[in-house]
Protein backbone atom coordinates (compact mmCIF):
# COMPACT_ATOMS: atom_id res chain seq x y z
CA MET A 1 -149.71 -40.93 153.21
CA ARG A 2 -146.15 -41.17 151.85
CA ALA A 3 -147.31 -39.66 148.53
CA VAL A 4 -148.98 -36.77 150.36
CA LEU A 5 -145.80 -36.05 152.34
CA VAL A 6 -143.73 -36.04 149.17
CA VAL A 7 -146.10 -33.56 147.52
CA LEU A 8 -146.02 -31.32 150.59
CA ALA A 9 -142.22 -31.41 150.67
CA VAL A 10 -142.04 -30.40 147.00
CA LEU A 11 -144.49 -27.56 147.55
CA ALA A 12 -142.51 -26.34 150.56
CA ALA A 13 -139.30 -26.30 148.53
CA VAL A 14 -140.96 -24.28 145.78
CA LEU A 15 -142.39 -21.77 148.24
CA LEU A 16 -139.06 -21.35 150.02
CA GLY A 17 -137.32 -20.77 146.73
CA GLY A 18 -139.90 -18.17 145.77
CA CYS A 19 -139.46 -16.36 149.08
CA GLY A 20 -135.82 -15.52 148.39
CA LEU A 21 -134.25 -17.89 150.90
CA GLY A 22 -131.96 -19.57 148.41
CA SER A 23 -128.24 -18.81 148.65
CA GLY A 24 -128.21 -17.29 145.17
CA ASP A 25 -130.97 -14.74 145.74
CA ASP A 26 -130.17 -11.04 146.06
CA GLN A 27 -130.44 -9.33 149.44
CA PRO A 28 -131.74 -5.74 149.51
CA GLY A 29 -129.20 -3.05 150.39
CA GLY A 30 -126.27 -1.90 148.31
CA VAL A 31 -122.55 -2.46 148.70
CA THR A 32 -119.65 -0.21 147.68
CA LEU A 33 -116.22 -1.39 146.56
CA THR A 34 -113.14 0.86 146.38
CA VAL A 35 -109.66 -0.10 145.19
CA SER A 36 -106.70 2.22 145.85
CA ARG A 37 -103.01 2.23 146.55
CA ASP A 38 -100.54 4.04 148.82
CA PHE A 39 -102.89 4.33 151.80
CA GLY A 40 -105.73 5.71 149.71
CA ASP A 41 -103.58 8.32 148.01
CA ARG A 42 -104.43 7.01 144.52
CA GLU A 43 -107.80 5.51 143.69
CA LEU A 44 -107.65 2.75 141.07
CA GLY A 45 -111.37 2.18 140.69
CA ARG A 46 -114.79 1.95 142.29
CA ALA A 47 -117.86 -0.22 141.87
CA GLN A 48 -121.30 -0.22 143.43
CA ARG A 49 -124.09 -2.78 143.53
CA ASP A 50 -127.66 -1.98 144.51
CA SER A 51 -128.19 -5.46 145.95
CA VAL A 52 -126.00 -8.27 147.28
CA PRO A 53 -126.26 -11.80 145.85
CA GLY A 54 -126.88 -14.39 148.54
CA GLY A 55 -123.60 -15.89 149.72
CA GLU A 56 -121.54 -13.10 148.11
CA THR A 57 -117.94 -12.89 149.33
CA VAL A 58 -115.41 -10.08 149.23
CA MET A 59 -113.41 -12.06 146.68
CA ARG A 60 -116.33 -12.58 144.30
CA LEU A 61 -117.34 -8.94 144.62
CA LEU A 62 -113.81 -7.89 143.67
CA GLN A 63 -113.57 -10.31 140.76
CA ARG A 64 -116.80 -9.01 139.24
CA SER A 65 -115.25 -5.59 138.58
CA PHE A 66 -111.46 -5.99 138.49
CA ASP A 67 -108.80 -8.22 136.96
CA VAL A 68 -107.66 -10.30 139.92
CA LYS A 69 -104.92 -12.89 140.41
CA THR A 70 -104.96 -14.97 143.58
CA ARG A 71 -102.63 -17.18 145.63
CA TYR A 72 -102.84 -19.90 148.27
CA GLY A 73 -105.56 -21.81 146.47
CA GLY A 74 -107.55 -18.75 145.45
CA GLY A 75 -108.23 -17.50 148.96
CA PHE A 76 -105.93 -14.45 148.94
CA VAL A 77 -105.30 -11.65 146.44
CA GLN A 78 -101.89 -11.31 144.81
CA GLN A 79 -102.66 -8.80 142.06
CA ILE A 80 -105.43 -6.36 141.12
CA ASN A 81 -105.37 -4.71 137.69
CA GLY A 82 -101.67 -5.48 137.33
CA VAL A 83 -100.60 -4.13 140.74
CA SER A 84 -98.95 -6.94 142.72
CA GLY A 85 -97.86 -7.68 146.22
CA GLY A 86 -94.18 -8.33 146.89
CA ARG A 87 -91.44 -5.75 147.23
CA LEU A 88 -91.24 -2.22 145.89
CA SER A 89 -88.04 -0.17 146.21
CA GLY A 90 -86.84 -2.74 148.71
CA ARG A 91 -89.93 -2.41 150.91
CA PRO A 92 -92.66 -5.04 151.46
CA VAL A 93 -96.01 -4.16 149.85
CA ASP A 94 -99.26 -6.05 149.61
CA TRP A 95 -103.03 -5.85 149.24
CA PHE A 96 -105.14 -5.37 152.37
CA TYR A 97 -108.88 -5.03 152.65
CA TYR A 98 -111.26 -3.38 155.09
CA VAL A 99 -114.98 -3.81 155.55
CA ASN A 100 -116.66 -0.74 157.03
CA GLY A 101 -113.25 0.57 158.06
CA VAL A 102 -112.23 -2.56 159.95
CA GLU A 103 -109.33 -4.73 158.82
CA ALA A 104 -110.52 -8.20 157.88
CA GLY A 105 -109.35 -11.16 159.91
CA VAL A 106 -109.92 -13.80 157.22
CA GLY A 107 -109.13 -14.28 153.56
CA ALA A 108 -111.33 -12.53 151.01
CA ALA A 109 -112.80 -15.82 149.78
CA GLN A 110 -114.13 -16.52 153.28
CA ARG A 111 -115.49 -13.08 154.15
CA ARG A 112 -119.22 -12.78 153.44
CA ILE A 113 -120.72 -9.48 152.31
CA ASN A 114 -123.66 -7.92 154.16
CA PRO A 115 -126.03 -5.30 152.75
CA GLY A 116 -124.70 -1.80 153.32
CA ASP A 117 -121.04 -2.84 153.56
CA ARG A 118 -118.27 -0.60 152.29
CA VAL A 119 -115.37 -2.73 151.08
CA TRP A 120 -112.01 -1.04 150.58
CA TRP A 121 -108.91 -2.69 149.10
CA ASP A 122 -105.62 -0.82 149.39
CA HIS A 123 -102.12 -1.72 148.21
CA HIS A 124 -99.47 -0.30 150.52
CA ASP A 125 -96.16 -0.61 152.33
CA TRP A 126 -96.47 -2.72 155.47
CA GLY A 127 -92.86 -2.67 156.61
CA ASP A 128 -93.52 -0.38 159.57
CA ALA A 129 -96.99 -1.66 160.45
CA ALA A 130 -97.87 -5.23 159.61
CA ARG A 131 -101.43 -4.47 160.69
CA VAL A 132 -103.61 -1.38 160.48
CA PRO A 133 -106.61 -2.70 162.41
CA ALA A 134 -108.99 0.17 161.71
CA VAL A 135 -109.19 3.22 159.42
CA VAL A 136 -111.40 6.31 159.24
CA GLY A 137 -111.83 6.45 155.46
CA SER A 138 -115.18 4.63 155.28
CA PHE A 139 -117.04 7.04 157.57
CA PRO A 140 -119.90 6.94 158.57
CA GLU A 141 -119.00 3.26 158.80
CA PRO A 142 -118.65 1.31 161.00
CA PHE A 143 -121.10 3.41 163.04
CA LEU A 144 -123.94 3.10 160.53
CA SER A 145 -123.98 -0.56 159.42
CA GLY A 146 -121.72 -2.03 162.09
CA VAL A 147 -119.18 -4.85 162.10
CA ASP A 148 -119.66 -8.31 160.59
CA GLY A 149 -123.29 -7.58 159.77
CA ARG A 150 -124.11 -6.49 163.33
CA ARG A 151 -125.06 -2.90 164.02
CA LEU A 152 -123.50 -1.78 167.31
CA PRO A 153 -124.27 0.97 169.82
CA VAL A 154 -121.90 3.93 169.78
CA ARG A 155 -120.41 5.50 172.90
CA ILE A 156 -118.64 8.86 173.12
CA ASP A 157 -116.10 8.85 175.96
CA CYS A 158 -115.60 12.54 176.69
CA ALA A 159 -112.76 14.16 178.61
CA ARG A 160 -113.66 16.65 181.31
CA GLY A 161 -114.18 20.14 179.88
CA GLU A 162 -114.60 18.96 176.29
CA ASP A 163 -118.40 19.21 176.15
CA ALA A 164 -118.35 21.41 173.05
CA ALA A 165 -116.15 19.01 171.07
CA CYS A 166 -118.23 16.03 172.19
CA ASP A 167 -121.43 17.81 171.19
CA GLU A 168 -119.87 18.42 167.77
CA VAL A 169 -119.03 14.72 167.42
CA ARG A 170 -122.58 13.74 168.40
CA LYS A 171 -124.06 16.26 165.95
CA ARG A 172 -121.97 14.94 163.08
CA LEU A 173 -122.99 11.38 163.87
CA GLU A 174 -126.64 12.44 163.82
CA VAL A 175 -126.16 14.13 160.43
CA ALA A 176 -124.80 10.80 159.17
CA ASP A 177 -127.95 9.03 160.48
CA VAL A 178 -126.06 7.26 163.25
CA THR A 179 -128.36 6.52 166.18
CA LYS A 180 -128.01 4.72 169.52
CA VAL A 181 -125.28 7.10 170.68
CA SER A 182 -124.52 7.36 174.40
CA GLU A 183 -121.82 8.95 176.56
CA GLY A 184 -119.40 7.14 178.85
CA LEU A 185 -116.34 7.60 181.01
CA LEU A 186 -112.75 7.67 179.83
CA GLY A 187 -110.92 4.40 180.33
CA GLY A 188 -113.91 2.15 179.88
CA SER A 189 -113.39 -0.72 177.46
CA ALA A 190 -115.52 -1.27 174.38
CA GLY A 191 -115.42 -5.06 174.55
CA THR A 192 -117.17 -6.79 171.68
CA GLY A 193 -120.45 -4.90 171.82
CA VAL A 194 -119.72 -1.15 171.59
CA LEU A 195 -117.96 1.20 169.17
CA ARG A 196 -116.16 3.95 171.09
CA ILE A 197 -115.14 7.50 170.14
CA VAL A 198 -112.68 8.95 172.65
CA VAL A 199 -112.64 12.77 172.67
CA GLY A 200 -110.18 15.03 174.47
CA PRO A 201 -106.65 16.49 174.45
CA TRP A 202 -103.91 13.90 174.55
CA THR A 203 -102.94 14.71 178.12
CA ALA A 204 -106.48 13.76 179.22
CA ILE A 205 -106.95 10.58 177.21
CA ARG A 206 -103.48 9.03 176.91
CA ALA A 207 -104.01 6.62 179.81
CA ASP A 208 -106.86 4.90 177.98
CA PRO A 209 -105.58 1.37 177.12
CA ALA A 210 -106.91 1.48 173.54
CA VAL A 211 -105.49 4.94 172.89
CA LYS A 212 -102.06 4.82 174.55
CA PRO A 213 -100.36 2.67 171.82
CA ILE A 214 -100.45 5.73 169.53
CA GLU A 215 -97.46 7.04 171.51
CA ARG A 216 -95.47 4.05 170.27
CA GLY A 217 -96.15 4.59 166.57
CA PRO A 218 -97.75 2.55 163.79
CA ALA A 219 -96.21 -0.79 164.71
CA ALA A 220 -98.23 -0.69 167.94
CA SER A 221 -101.38 1.18 166.89
CA GLY A 222 -101.60 1.13 163.09
CA VAL A 223 -101.74 4.95 163.18
CA TYR A 224 -99.04 6.79 161.23
CA ALA A 225 -98.65 9.52 163.82
CA ARG A 226 -96.90 9.50 167.15
CA MET A 227 -98.14 11.62 170.03
CA ASP A 228 -95.55 13.09 172.37
CA ARG A 229 -96.11 11.94 175.97
CA THR A 230 -96.50 15.56 177.03
CA GLY A 231 -99.31 15.89 174.50
CA ARG A 232 -97.78 19.02 173.02
CA ARG A 233 -96.53 17.60 169.74
CA ILE A 234 -97.76 15.27 167.01
CA ALA A 235 -95.15 13.64 164.76
CA LEU A 236 -96.56 12.92 161.28
CA LEU A 237 -94.99 9.82 159.77
CA GLU A 238 -94.21 8.52 156.30
CA PRO A 239 -94.98 4.89 155.37
CA ASP A 240 -91.53 3.75 156.53
CA GLY A 241 -91.94 5.44 159.91
CA THR A 242 -89.77 8.45 159.09
CA VAL A 243 -90.96 11.68 160.71
CA ALA A 244 -92.16 13.96 157.91
CA ARG A 245 -92.81 16.89 160.22
CA THR A 246 -94.05 17.75 163.70
CA LEU A 247 -97.13 19.76 164.67
CA ALA A 248 -97.43 21.75 167.89
CA GLY A 249 -100.10 24.05 169.40
CA GLY A 250 -103.58 23.90 167.91
CA ALA A 251 -102.98 20.62 166.04
CA GLY A 252 -105.48 17.78 165.96
CA LEU A 253 -105.56 14.06 165.17
CA LEU A 254 -108.48 11.90 164.07
CA ALA A 255 -107.66 8.21 163.85
CA ALA A 256 -108.93 4.71 164.61
CA THR A 257 -107.24 1.78 166.30
CA ARG A 258 -108.27 -1.50 167.89
CA LEU A 259 -107.20 -3.56 170.88
CA GLU A 260 -107.32 -7.33 170.55
CA GLY A 261 -110.70 -8.61 171.64
CA GLN A 262 -112.41 -5.21 171.36
CA GLN A 263 -114.28 -3.29 168.72
CA PRO A 264 -112.48 -0.33 167.09
CA THR A 265 -111.89 2.84 169.08
CA TRP A 266 -111.88 6.16 167.23
CA VAL A 267 -109.74 8.93 168.66
CA VAL A 268 -110.56 12.65 168.37
CA THR A 269 -107.64 14.38 170.05
CA GLY A 270 -105.11 17.18 169.80
CA THR A 271 -102.33 19.07 171.49
CA ASP A 272 -104.91 21.27 173.26
CA ALA A 273 -108.60 22.19 173.22
CA VAL A 274 -108.16 24.02 169.91
CA GLY A 275 -106.70 20.89 168.32
CA VAL A 276 -109.49 18.69 169.68
CA ALA A 277 -112.13 21.04 168.26
CA ALA A 278 -110.33 21.04 164.92
CA ALA A 279 -110.31 17.24 164.81
CA ALA A 280 -114.01 17.04 165.79
CA GLY A 281 -114.81 19.41 162.95
CA GLN A 282 -113.39 16.91 160.44
CA LEU A 283 -115.73 14.05 161.38
CA ASP A 284 -117.25 14.21 157.94
CA GLU A 285 -117.55 11.79 155.03
CA THR A 286 -115.91 14.16 152.55
CA ALA A 287 -112.98 15.07 154.81
CA LEU A 288 -112.27 11.45 155.73
CA HIS A 289 -112.93 9.80 152.36
CA GLU A 290 -110.32 7.09 151.66
CA ARG A 291 -107.97 8.26 154.40
CA PHE A 292 -106.39 5.95 156.92
CA ALA A 293 -106.18 8.78 159.47
CA ILE A 294 -105.81 12.55 159.40
CA ALA A 295 -103.90 15.26 161.21
CA VAL A 296 -105.42 18.74 161.33
CA GLU A 297 -103.48 21.99 161.24
CA GLY A 298 -105.01 25.40 160.69
CA GLY A 299 -108.37 23.78 160.08
CA ARG A 300 -107.04 21.73 157.16
CA PRO A 301 -106.86 17.91 157.17
CA GLU A 302 -103.68 16.12 156.13
CA SER A 303 -103.80 12.46 155.17
CA LEU A 304 -101.71 9.97 157.14
CA PRO A 305 -99.25 8.52 156.50
CA VAL A 306 -97.63 11.49 154.77
CA PRO A 307 -96.55 10.34 151.29
CA SER A 308 -92.82 9.76 151.05
CA PRO A 309 -90.94 12.06 148.63
CA SER A 310 -90.75 9.24 146.07
CA GLU A 311 -94.56 8.86 146.13
CA ALA A 312 -95.46 12.53 146.11
CA PRO A 313 -97.05 13.71 142.83
C-alpha cells in the first residue's frame, strides 16, 4: 500500500506540473511597463510581455528590460538607466511606481504582477507631494483590470443637471470595454469595493470627502491643481507648488485621488458646465497617456503638473 501511495503522489506532482500550476509557469495575459521622468513628461523606455511568469514581481519585470540599481537589501529602486533618486537642484527626487494608475503601497520586490497590469515607473520631484496616490495616465486602467488583481465595479456619481457629461463618461468607458458601470449619488464613499468617477462642476461636488482635498493642493490630494472654493478658478501648479497660471470660465480638470481606506476616485470637473463637458471629452487613452492629471482649456488638455521653466524643452 505504501508503494502505491508513493507512485500516486509522484503521478500527481507530474500532472500538476504539466497543468501550469508551478510558480515558474507563465500566466496568459500581457503586461506593459513604462519608465519616464518628470511626471511623465519624458519617456525613458517601454517594454511589453505577452504573458506573465508565475510569481513575477514589479522588480523582476523592471530588471528584465532596464539597468537597475537597488537599495535597502534589493527591495527598492535607487537608479534606472543611470537616473538616480536623491536631490536635483536642491529638490528631493525619487522613483515611484504605479500599477494600473494606483500608487503602490509596498516595495517593488514584494509587489506581484497580474495579467493585464500596466506598470508605470516615474522619476519626479516629491517635495510638494510626498504621495500621489492615483494618476490618470494608465487609462482605461484601473477600470478595466482593477486593483491588486481584482476587477472592481465602476460607479459614476453624477451632479444634478450633468446628465450629458455623465453620458459621455459612460460612453467612453464602454468604448474602452469597461463594463459593470452603475450610477450613484454624490457624497457616497467608494470603500474598498468600488471605483468612483465623480462628475460635475466644482461648486456641486466640492463637499465630497474624497474630492474636497483638491482645494488644498497636491500635499493633500496628490493633484497638481488647486480649485478655488468658489469653483470659478483652477490654479495650475508646477512641481514645487508654484502657480504657473490660473484658468477661469470654461476650464476643466480631470484627475484622480484616493482617501485612505478607499479605492481611487476620479474627478471630472470644471469651473462650469462647459468645463465639465470639456473634461469628460478627454476621458480617452490617447489624451491621458502618461499624464498624472490634466487641465482642459479651449478643448485642449494640459499635463499637470506644469513643467517648471528649468524643465521646459
